[in-house]
Structures are given as C-alpha cells and as structure tokens.
Amino acid sequence: MSRARDVVEVVARALADRPEAVRVIERPGKGQTVVELSMAPGDLGRVIGRQGRTAAAIRTLVTLAAEIDGTKASVDFRDDA
C-alpha cells in the first residue's frame, strides 16, 4: 500500500457517514498510480465538496504523498450507485 492510498482512505473514512462502505483501490495508470475511491452515494457528494474544493484538496494531498514515495498518483472518484 502506498501513502497516497492511505491518505485517500483516511480522509474519506473521516468524512463519510458510512465509513464501512469506503473502498479504495490502487491500479497502475500511464506513468502513475491511479487511486480509485468509491463509497455510499450520499457520502460521495460530501467528499467531493462544494464546487469540488474538497476533492481538489484530496488530490493535492495525494500528489504530495506520492512525491514522498518518489512516484506520481491521481485520484478517481467513482459513483458505483
């Protein structure tokens, strides 16, 4: 597990009403790791935030965490409802 994945999971569980429904998956992408976040439909809106501000903050944290590991990473927010 990478630090980027850990950051996404900790923040998403902290913001979610149903933390047990949070699922974080890492997969390789083009030259970077892609961290996919899926959660309960009502919680997804809370994690994205108003005008995407919370999502942008999560993406910034993931970028910094990946840099510490010497890699690149991005976040995909998945609506699996």
N, C-alpha and C. Protein backbone atom coordinates (compact mmCIF):
# COMPACT_ATOMS: atom_id res chain seq x y z
N MET A 1 0.83 -1.19 0.00
CA MET A 1 0.00 0.00 0.00
C MET A 1 0.88 1.25 0.00
N SER A 2 0.47 2.22 -0.76
CA SER A 2 1.23 3.46 -0.84
C SER A 2 0.67 4.50 0.12
N ARG A 3 1.45 5.53 0.33
CA ARG A 3 0.98 6.64 1.18
C ARG A 3 -0.21 7.34 0.53
N ALA A 4 -0.21 7.43 -0.79
CA ALA A 4 -1.32 8.09 -1.49
C ALA A 4 -2.64 7.37 -1.20
N ARG A 5 -2.62 6.05 -1.26
CA ARG A 5 -3.82 5.27 -0.98
C ARG A 5 -4.25 5.47 0.46
N ASP A 6 -3.29 5.46 1.37
CA ASP A 6 -3.59 5.65 2.79
C ASP A 6 -4.24 7.01 3.04
N VAL A 7 -3.73 8.05 2.40
CA VAL A 7 -4.29 9.40 2.56
C VAL A 7 -5.75 9.43 2.12
N VAL A 8 -6.03 8.86 0.95
CA VAL A 8 -7.40 8.85 0.44
C VAL A 8 -8.32 8.10 1.40
N GLU A 9 -7.88 6.95 1.86
CA GLU A 9 -8.72 6.14 2.74
C GLU A 9 -9.01 6.84 4.06
N VAL A 10 -8.00 7.43 4.68
CA VAL A 10 -8.18 8.09 5.97
C VAL A 10 -9.13 9.29 5.84
N VAL A 11 -8.91 10.11 4.84
CA VAL A 11 -9.76 11.30 4.65
C VAL A 11 -11.19 10.90 4.31
N ALA A 12 -11.36 9.93 3.41
CA ALA A 12 -12.71 9.51 3.01
C ALA A 12 -13.48 8.91 4.19
N ARG A 13 -12.82 8.08 4.98
CA ARG A 13 -13.50 7.49 6.15
C ARG A 13 -13.86 8.56 7.18
N ALA A 14 -13.03 9.57 7.32
CA ALA A 14 -13.31 10.64 8.28
C ALA A 14 -14.52 11.47 7.85
N LEU A 15 -14.72 11.64 6.55
CA LEU A 15 -15.82 12.45 6.04
C LEU A 15 -17.12 11.68 5.85
N ALA A 16 -17.05 10.37 5.79
CA ALA A 16 -18.21 9.55 5.44
C ALA A 16 -19.14 9.31 6.63
N ASP A 17 -20.44 9.26 6.33
CA ASP A 17 -21.43 8.84 7.34
C ASP A 17 -21.37 7.33 7.51
N ARG A 18 -21.01 6.63 6.43
CA ARG A 18 -20.89 5.17 6.46
C ARG A 18 -19.46 4.78 6.08
N PRO A 19 -18.51 4.90 7.02
CA PRO A 19 -17.10 4.61 6.70
C PRO A 19 -16.85 3.17 6.28
N GLU A 20 -17.72 2.25 6.68
CA GLU A 20 -17.55 0.86 6.28
C GLU A 20 -17.78 0.65 4.79
N ALA A 21 -18.44 1.60 4.13
CA ALA A 21 -18.73 1.49 2.70
C ALA A 21 -17.62 2.06 1.83
N VAL A 22 -16.59 2.63 2.43
CA VAL A 22 -15.49 3.23 1.67
C VAL A 22 -14.62 2.13 1.07
N ARG A 23 -14.35 2.22 -0.22
CA ARG A 23 -13.48 1.27 -0.92
C ARG A 23 -12.42 2.06 -1.68
N VAL A 24 -11.17 1.72 -1.44
CA VAL A 24 -10.05 2.39 -2.12
C VAL A 24 -9.23 1.32 -2.83
N ILE A 25 -9.02 1.51 -4.13
CA ILE A 25 -8.27 0.56 -4.94
C ILE A 25 -7.15 1.30 -5.66
N GLU A 26 -5.99 0.70 -5.68
CA GLU A 26 -4.85 1.24 -6.43
C GLU A 26 -4.67 0.43 -7.70
N ARG A 27 -4.40 1.12 -8.80
CA ARG A 27 -4.10 0.41 -10.04
C ARG A 27 -3.09 1.24 -10.83
N PRO A 28 -2.28 0.57 -11.63
CA PRO A 28 -1.30 1.31 -12.43
C PRO A 28 -1.99 2.05 -13.58
N GLY A 29 -1.51 3.23 -13.86
CA GLY A 29 -2.00 4.00 -15.00
C GLY A 29 -0.83 4.33 -15.91
N LYS A 30 -1.01 5.29 -16.78
CA LYS A 30 0.07 5.70 -17.68
C LYS A 30 1.09 6.53 -16.93
N GLY A 31 2.16 5.88 -16.48
CA GLY A 31 3.23 6.57 -15.79
C GLY A 31 2.91 7.01 -14.38
N GLN A 32 1.80 6.56 -13.85
CA GLN A 32 1.43 6.94 -12.49
C GLN A 32 0.48 5.92 -11.88
N THR A 33 0.28 6.02 -10.60
CA THR A 33 -0.67 5.17 -9.91
C THR A 33 -2.01 5.88 -9.86
N VAL A 34 -3.08 5.15 -10.11
CA VAL A 34 -4.43 5.72 -10.02
C VAL A 34 -5.08 5.14 -8.77
N VAL A 35 -5.54 6.02 -7.90
CA VAL A 35 -6.24 5.61 -6.69
C VAL A 35 -7.73 5.86 -6.92
N GLU A 36 -8.51 4.77 -6.90
CA GLU A 36 -9.95 4.88 -7.14
C GLU A 36 -10.68 4.84 -5.80
N LEU A 37 -11.57 5.81 -5.60
CA LEU A 37 -12.35 5.88 -4.37
C LEU A 37 -13.82 5.70 -4.71
N SER A 38 -14.45 4.72 -4.07
CA SER A 38 -15.89 4.56 -4.20
C SER A 38 -16.47 4.45 -2.80
N MET A 39 -17.69 4.96 -2.63
CA MET A 39 -18.35 4.96 -1.33
C MET A 39 -19.85 5.08 -1.51
N ALA A 40 -20.57 5.13 -0.42
CA ALA A 40 -22.03 5.25 -0.48
C ALA A 40 -22.40 6.52 -1.25
N PRO A 41 -23.48 6.48 -2.05
CA PRO A 41 -23.84 7.61 -2.90
C PRO A 41 -23.96 8.95 -2.16
N GLY A 42 -24.57 8.98 -0.99
CA GLY A 42 -24.71 10.23 -0.25
C GLY A 42 -23.38 10.75 0.25
N ASP A 43 -22.48 9.85 0.55
CA ASP A 43 -21.17 10.25 1.06
C ASP A 43 -20.26 10.79 -0.04
N LEU A 44 -20.46 10.35 -1.25
CA LEU A 44 -19.60 10.79 -2.34
C LEU A 44 -19.70 12.30 -2.53
N GLY A 45 -20.90 12.83 -2.43
CA GLY A 45 -21.08 14.28 -2.56
C GLY A 45 -20.36 15.05 -1.47
N ARG A 46 -20.33 14.49 -0.27
CA ARG A 46 -19.64 15.13 0.84
C ARG A 46 -18.13 15.15 0.59
N VAL A 47 -17.59 14.09 0.03
CA VAL A 47 -16.15 14.02 -0.23
C VAL A 47 -15.76 14.93 -1.39
N ILE A 48 -16.63 15.07 -2.38
CA ILE A 48 -16.33 15.97 -3.50
C ILE A 48 -16.41 17.41 -3.03
N GLY A 49 -17.39 17.75 -2.20
CA GLY A 49 -17.48 19.08 -1.62
C GLY A 49 -18.09 20.11 -2.55
N ARG A 50 -18.29 21.29 -2.00
CA ARG A 50 -18.87 22.38 -2.79
C ARG A 50 -17.89 22.82 -3.86
N GLN A 51 -18.37 22.84 -5.07
CA GLN A 51 -17.58 23.22 -6.23
C GLN A 51 -16.28 22.42 -6.35
N GLY A 52 -16.26 21.22 -5.76
CA GLY A 52 -15.11 20.34 -5.88
C GLY A 52 -13.91 20.72 -5.04
N ARG A 53 -14.11 21.58 -4.06
CA ARG A 53 -12.98 22.05 -3.26
C ARG A 53 -12.35 20.94 -2.43
N THR A 54 -13.19 20.11 -1.82
CA THR A 54 -12.65 19.02 -1.01
C THR A 54 -11.92 18.01 -1.89
N ALA A 55 -12.49 17.71 -3.05
CA ALA A 55 -11.85 16.79 -3.98
C ALA A 55 -10.50 17.35 -4.44
N ALA A 56 -10.44 18.63 -4.70
CA ALA A 56 -9.18 19.26 -5.11
C ALA A 56 -8.14 19.16 -3.99
N ALA A 57 -8.59 19.35 -2.75
CA ALA A 57 -7.67 19.24 -1.61
C ALA A 57 -7.15 17.80 -1.46
N ILE A 58 -8.04 16.83 -1.66
CA ILE A 58 -7.62 15.42 -1.59
C ILE A 58 -6.61 15.12 -2.68
N ARG A 59 -6.86 15.62 -3.88
CA ARG A 59 -5.92 15.40 -4.99
C ARG A 59 -4.55 16.02 -4.69
N THR A 60 -4.54 17.19 -4.06
CA THR A 60 -3.28 17.83 -3.69
C THR A 60 -2.52 16.99 -2.67
N LEU A 61 -3.24 16.49 -1.65
CA LEU A 61 -2.60 15.65 -0.64
C LEU A 61 -2.04 14.37 -1.26
N VAL A 62 -2.77 13.78 -2.19
CA VAL A 62 -2.32 12.55 -2.85
C VAL A 62 -1.07 12.82 -3.68
N THR A 63 -1.04 13.93 -4.38
CA THR A 63 0.14 14.28 -5.17
C THR A 63 1.36 14.43 -4.28
N LEU A 64 1.19 15.09 -3.15
CA LEU A 64 2.32 15.27 -2.22
C LEU A 64 2.75 13.96 -1.59
N ALA A 65 1.80 13.12 -1.21
CA ALA A 65 2.13 11.82 -0.61
C ALA A 65 2.87 10.94 -1.62
N ALA A 66 2.46 10.99 -2.88
CA ALA A 66 3.13 10.20 -3.91
C ALA A 66 4.55 10.71 -4.15
N GLU A 67 4.74 12.03 -4.08
CA GLU A 67 6.08 12.58 -4.25
C GLU A 67 7.03 12.08 -3.17
N ILE A 68 6.52 11.93 -1.95
CA ILE A 68 7.35 11.40 -0.86
C ILE A 68 7.81 9.99 -1.19
N ASP A 69 6.93 9.21 -1.83
CA ASP A 69 7.27 7.85 -2.24
C ASP A 69 8.09 7.81 -3.53
N GLY A 70 8.29 8.97 -4.16
CA GLY A 70 9.05 9.03 -5.41
C GLY A 70 8.25 8.59 -6.62
N THR A 71 6.93 8.71 -6.55
CA THR A 71 6.07 8.31 -7.66
C THR A 71 5.09 9.45 -7.99
N LYS A 72 4.20 9.17 -8.92
CA LYS A 72 3.12 10.09 -9.26
C LYS A 72 1.81 9.36 -9.05
N ALA A 73 0.77 10.09 -8.64
CA ALA A 73 -0.53 9.46 -8.40
C ALA A 73 -1.64 10.45 -8.71
N SER A 74 -2.80 9.90 -9.04
CA SER A 74 -4.01 10.69 -9.24
C SER A 74 -5.17 9.98 -8.57
N VAL A 75 -6.29 10.69 -8.40
CA VAL A 75 -7.46 10.13 -7.73
C VAL A 75 -8.64 10.16 -8.68
N ASP A 76 -9.37 9.04 -8.72
CA ASP A 76 -10.64 8.96 -9.44
C ASP A 76 -11.74 8.73 -8.41
N PHE A 77 -12.77 9.56 -8.46
CA PHE A 77 -13.92 9.38 -7.59
C PHE A 77 -14.98 8.61 -8.37
N ARG A 78 -15.34 7.43 -7.91
CA ARG A 78 -16.25 6.53 -8.62
C ARG A 78 -17.64 6.55 -8.00
N ASP A 79 -18.64 6.72 -8.83
CA ASP A 79 -20.03 6.64 -8.38
C ASP A 79 -20.57 5.28 -8.83
N ASP A 80 -20.58 4.33 -7.92
CA ASP A 80 -20.99 2.96 -8.26
C ASP A 80 -22.44 2.68 -7.91
N ALA A 81 -23.23 3.73 -7.68
CA ALA A 81 -24.62 3.52 -7.29
C ALA A 81 -25.48 3.09 -8.45
